[in-house]
Amino acid sequence: MLISMTNEMMRQIIMDHYSNPTNKRRPTTDGYETIHMHSDNCIDDLDIYLLVKNGVIIDACFDGIACIISTSSTDIMCDLLKGKKIEEGREIIDSFQKMMKEEKFNEALLEEAIVFINTSKQAARIRCATIGWTAAEEILKDK
């Protein structure tokens, strides 16, 4: 997937998820676990919500104010985690975090999240790209 994707295509995916985030909302039912995250270096101030039942991530969403990178990355993350077993979710998150550290990662697990592959070259943006992922990782770590 990465080989055939141009920088312009990657930018367009990021902008689409920023302009029309399908997972930006507060939950309307009980049972969600939440973590509040913020960044000292950016406007990012987000609440991340996961609904986990019987070992499956039923829903993932977020709300708050964030930059383009944080909003789009968190929106894509929510799409990737929905419907996954906890262990699968952890593997997806781990792969994304490894990509951010320029370590070996499983590209196949990341789908659209691969558009952030060049973020690691901009150290100040790594926190923006990983803020939602770090929150989800924290929620899932004790499950």
C-alpha atoms as a PDB file:
ATOM      1  CA  MET A   1       0.000   0.000   0.000  1.00  0.00           C
ATOM      2  CA  LEU A   2       2.738   2.461   0.957  1.00  0.00           C
ATOM      3  CA  ILE A   3       4.684   2.050  -2.269  1.00  0.00           C
ATOM      4  CA  SER A   4       1.761   3.197  -4.393  1.00  0.00           C
ATOM      5  CA  MET A   5       0.805   6.144  -2.174  1.00  0.00           C
ATOM      6  CA  THR A   6       2.168   9.575  -3.038  1.00  0.00           C
ATOM      7  CA  ASN A   7       2.795  12.332  -0.499  1.00  0.00           C
ATOM      8  CA  GLU A   8      -0.204  14.166  -1.933  1.00  0.00           C
ATOM      9  CA  MET A   9      -2.434  11.116  -1.405  1.00  0.00           C
ATOM     10  CA  MET A  10      -1.206  10.803   2.177  1.00  0.00           C
ATOM     11  CA  ARG A  11      -1.884  14.509   2.824  1.00  0.00           C
ATOM     12  CA  GLN A  12      -5.385  14.129   1.385  1.00  0.00           C
ATOM     13  CA  ILE A  13      -6.222  11.216   3.716  1.00  0.00           C
ATOM     14  CA  ILE A  14      -4.961  13.246   6.682  1.00  0.00           C
ATOM     15  CA  MET A  15      -7.002  16.291   5.640  1.00  0.00           C
ATOM     16  CA  ASP A  16     -10.143  14.196   5.065  1.00  0.00           C
ATOM     17  CA  HIS A  17      -9.955  12.747   8.588  1.00  0.00           C
ATOM     18  CA  TYR A  18      -9.304  16.223  10.019  1.00  0.00           C
ATOM     19  CA  SER A  19     -12.127  17.937   8.109  1.00  0.00           C
ATOM     20  CA  ASN A  20     -14.671  15.137   8.612  1.00  0.00           C
ATOM     21  CA  PRO A  21     -13.677  12.993  11.591  1.00  0.00           C
ATOM     22  CA  THR A  22     -16.263  10.215  11.773  1.00  0.00           C
ATOM     23  CA  ASN A  23     -15.320   9.275  15.337  1.00  0.00           C
ATOM     24  CA  LYS A  24     -15.280  12.722  16.949  1.00  0.00           C
ATOM     25  CA  ARG A  25     -18.127  12.579  19.436  1.00  0.00           C
ATOM     26  CA  ARG A  26     -18.878  11.970  23.076  1.00  0.00           C
ATOM     27  CA  PRO A  27     -20.437   8.624  23.950  1.00  0.00           C
ATOM     28  CA  THR A  28     -24.179   8.681  24.522  1.00  0.00           C
ATOM     29  CA  THR A  29     -24.288   5.495  26.602  1.00  0.00           C
ATOM     30  CA  ASP A  30     -22.536   4.277  29.736  1.00  0.00           C
ATOM     31  CA  GLY A  31     -19.695   1.775  29.921  1.00  0.00           C
ATOM     32  CA  TYR A  32     -16.943   3.640  28.091  1.00  0.00           C
ATOM     33  CA  GLU A  33     -13.507   3.952  29.640  1.00  0.00           C
ATOM     34  CA  THR A  34     -11.895   7.308  29.073  1.00  0.00           C
ATOM     35  CA  ILE A  35      -8.542   9.000  29.367  1.00  0.00           C
ATOM     36  CA  HIS A  36      -7.868  12.706  29.034  1.00  0.00           C
ATOM     37  CA  MET A  37      -4.713  13.640  27.126  1.00  0.00           C
ATOM     38  CA  HIS A  38      -3.098  16.982  26.392  1.00  0.00           C
ATOM     39  CA  SER A  39       0.106  18.261  24.910  1.00  0.00           C
ATOM     40  CA  ASP A  40       2.285  21.013  26.302  1.00  0.00           C
ATOM     41  CA  ASN A  41       3.651  21.772  22.820  1.00  0.00           C
ATOM     42  CA  CYS A  42       0.423  21.907  20.807  1.00  0.00           C
ATOM     43  CA  ILE A  43      -3.283  22.732  21.193  1.00  0.00           C
ATOM     44  CA  ASP A  44      -4.093  19.034  21.641  1.00  0.00           C
ATOM     45  CA  ASP A  45      -6.560  18.508  24.482  1.00  0.00           C
ATOM     46  CA  LEU A  46      -8.510  15.293  23.925  1.00  0.00           C
ATOM     47  CA  ASP A  47     -10.693  12.769  25.692  1.00  0.00           C
ATOM     48  CA  ILE A  48     -10.367   9.263  24.264  1.00  0.00           C
ATOM     49  CA  TYR A  49     -13.221   6.793  24.821  1.00  0.00           C
ATOM     50  CA  LEU A  50     -13.205   3.008  24.367  1.00  0.00           C
ATOM     51  CA  LEU A  51     -16.126   0.663  24.904  1.00  0.00           C
ATOM     52  CA  VAL A  52     -14.832  -2.857  25.574  1.00  0.00           C
ATOM     53  CA  LYS A  53     -17.161  -5.826  26.087  1.00  0.00           C
ATOM     54  CA  ASN A  54     -16.300  -9.515  26.256  1.00  0.00           C
ATOM     55  CA  GLY A  55     -12.738  -8.881  25.126  1.00  0.00           C
ATOM     56  CA  VAL A  56     -13.746  -6.875  22.038  1.00  0.00           C
ATOM     57  CA  ILE A  57     -13.389  -3.145  21.364  1.00  0.00           C
ATOM     58  CA  ILE A  58     -16.997  -2.364  20.472  1.00  0.00           C
ATOM     59  CA  ASP A  59     -16.532   1.364  19.916  1.00  0.00           C
ATOM     60  CA  ALA A  60     -13.804   3.995  19.945  1.00  0.00           C
ATOM     61  CA  CYS A  61     -14.305   7.740  19.775  1.00  0.00           C
ATOM     62  CA  PHE A  62     -12.802  11.011  20.945  1.00  0.00           C
ATOM     63  CA  ASP A  63     -13.680  14.614  21.647  1.00  0.00           C
ATOM     64  CA  GLY A  64     -11.852  17.853  22.274  1.00  0.00           C
ATOM     65  CA  ILE A  65      -9.595  20.270  20.454  1.00  0.00           C
ATOM     66  CA  ALA A  66      -6.572  19.120  18.487  1.00  0.00           C
ATOM     67  CA  CYS A  67      -4.334  19.955  15.560  1.00  0.00           C
ATOM     68  CA  ILE A  68      -4.639  18.360  12.132  1.00  0.00           C
ATOM     69  CA  ILE A  69      -2.209  15.536  12.912  1.00  0.00           C
ATOM     70  CA  SER A  70      -3.771  14.613  16.276  1.00  0.00           C
ATOM     71  CA  THR A  71      -7.343  14.754  15.014  1.00  0.00           C
ATOM     72  CA  SER A  72      -6.732  12.708  11.881  1.00  0.00           C
ATOM     73  CA  SER A  73      -4.457  10.179  13.578  1.00  0.00           C
ATOM     74  CA  THR A  74      -6.921   9.613  16.431  1.00  0.00           C
ATOM     75  CA  ASP A  75      -9.845   9.333  14.005  1.00  0.00           C
ATOM     76  CA  ILE A  76      -8.014   6.691  11.956  1.00  0.00           C
ATOM     77  CA  MET A  77      -7.032   4.865  15.147  1.00  0.00           C
ATOM     78  CA  CYS A  78     -10.678   4.677  16.218  1.00  0.00           C
ATOM     79  CA  ASP A  79     -11.613   3.158  12.846  1.00  0.00           C
ATOM     80  CA  LEU A  80      -8.847   0.567  13.166  1.00  0.00           C
ATOM     81  CA  LEU A  81      -9.692  -0.487  16.723  1.00  0.00           C
ATOM     82  CA  LYS A  82     -13.456  -0.938  16.355  1.00  0.00           C
ATOM     83  CA  GLY A  83     -14.481  -4.571  16.285  1.00  0.00           C
ATOM     84  CA  LYS A  84     -11.014  -5.851  17.199  1.00  0.00           C
ATOM     85  CA  LYS A  85     -10.218  -8.174  20.075  1.00  0.00           C
ATOM     86  CA  ILE A  86      -8.153  -6.510  22.800  1.00  0.00           C
ATOM     87  CA  GLU A  87      -4.967  -8.326  21.758  1.00  0.00           C
ATOM     88  CA  GLU A  88      -5.475  -7.311  18.113  1.00  0.00           C
ATOM     89  CA  GLY A  89      -5.966  -3.702  19.235  1.00  0.00           C
ATOM     90  CA  ARG A  90      -2.744  -3.840  21.238  1.00  0.00           C
ATOM     91  CA  GLU A  91      -0.878  -5.191  18.197  1.00  0.00           C
ATOM     92  CA  ILE A  92      -2.193  -2.363  15.997  1.00  0.00           C
ATOM     93  CA  ILE A  93      -1.207   0.249  18.591  1.00  0.00           C
ATOM     94  CA  ASP A  94       2.217  -1.346  19.075  1.00  0.00           C
ATOM     95  CA  SER A  95       2.831  -1.351  15.332  1.00  0.00           C
ATOM     96  CA  PHE A  96       1.907   2.340  15.075  1.00  0.00           C
ATOM     97  CA  GLN A  97       4.159   3.258  18.006  1.00  0.00           C
ATOM     98  CA  LYS A  98       7.033   1.315  16.423  1.00  0.00           C
ATOM     99  CA  MET A  99       6.492   3.138  13.126  1.00  0.00           C
ATOM    100  CA  MET A 100       6.755   6.441  15.017  1.00  0.00           C
ATOM    101  CA  LYS A 101      10.085   5.302  16.508  1.00  0.00           C
ATOM    102  CA  GLU A 102      11.334   4.163  13.081  1.00  0.00           C
ATOM    103  CA  GLU A 103      11.461   0.570  14.311  1.00  0.00           C
ATOM    104  CA  LYS A 104      10.350  -2.501  12.380  1.00  0.00           C
ATOM    105  CA  PHE A 105       6.526  -2.644  12.327  1.00  0.00           C
ATOM    106  CA  ASN A 106       3.701  -4.569  10.685  1.00  0.00           C
ATOM    107  CA  GLU A 107       2.523  -2.311   7.861  1.00  0.00           C
ATOM    108  CA  ALA A 108      -0.450  -4.567   7.080  1.00  0.00           C
ATOM    109  CA  LEU A 109      -2.017  -3.830  10.481  1.00  0.00           C
ATOM    110  CA  LEU A 110      -1.983  -0.064  10.033  1.00  0.00           C
ATOM    111  CA  GLU A 111      -4.078   0.371   6.878  1.00  0.00           C
ATOM    112  CA  GLU A 112      -4.722   4.145   6.522  1.00  0.00           C
ATOM    113  CA  ALA A 113      -2.560   4.938   9.553  1.00  0.00           C
ATOM    114  CA  ILE A 114       0.456   4.314   7.314  1.00  0.00           C
ATOM    115  CA  VAL A 115      -0.005   7.913   6.098  1.00  0.00           C
ATOM    116  CA  PHE A 116       1.853   9.006   9.254  1.00  0.00           C
ATOM    117  CA  ILE A 117       5.024   7.121   8.324  1.00  0.00           C
ATOM    118  CA  ASN A 118       6.982  10.339   7.695  1.00  0.00           C
ATOM    119  CA  THR A 119       5.881  11.950  10.970  1.00  0.00           C
ATOM    120  CA  SER A 120       8.888  10.483  12.771  1.00  0.00           C
ATOM    121  CA  LYS A 121      11.084  12.831  10.726  1.00  0.00           C
ATOM    122  CA  GLN A 122       9.354  15.782  12.439  1.00  0.00           C
ATOM    123  CA  ALA A 123      10.107  15.211  16.134  1.00  0.00           C
ATOM    124  CA  ALA A 124       7.682  17.899  17.310  1.00  0.00           C
ATOM    125  CA  ARG A 125       4.793  16.122  15.549  1.00  0.00           C
ATOM    126  CA  ILE A 126       5.344  12.659  17.034  1.00  0.00           C
ATOM    127  CA  ARG A 127       3.389  13.558  20.179  1.00  0.00           C
ATOM    128  CA  CYS A 128       0.576  14.905  17.997  1.00  0.00           C
ATOM    129  CA  ALA A 129       0.381  11.687  15.992  1.00  0.00           C
ATOM    130  CA  THR A 130       0.557   9.384  19.019  1.00  0.00           C
ATOM    131  CA  ILE A 131      -1.566  11.174  21.616  1.00  0.00           C
ATOM    132  CA  GLY A 132      -4.744   9.177  20.935  1.00  0.00           C
ATOM    133  CA  TRP A 133      -2.831   5.927  20.457  1.00  0.00           C
ATOM    134  CA  THR A 134      -1.075   6.373  23.808  1.00  0.00           C
ATOM    135  CA  ALA A 135      -4.442   6.901  25.513  1.00  0.00           C
ATOM    136  CA  ALA A 136      -5.944   3.774  23.920  1.00  0.00           C
ATOM    137  CA  GLU A 137      -2.843   1.794  24.862  1.00  0.00           C
ATOM    138  CA  GLU A 138      -3.266   2.920  28.483  1.00  0.00           C
ATOM    139  CA  ILE A 139      -6.947   1.924  28.532  1.00  0.00           C
ATOM    140  CA  LEU A 140      -6.191  -1.531  27.076  1.00  0.00           C
ATOM    141  CA  LYS A 141      -3.061  -2.317  29.105  1.00  0.00           C
ATOM    142  CA  ASP A 142      -4.885  -3.828  32.096  1.00  0.00           C
ATOM    143  CA  LYS A 143      -7.449  -5.763  30.083  1.00  0.00           C
END
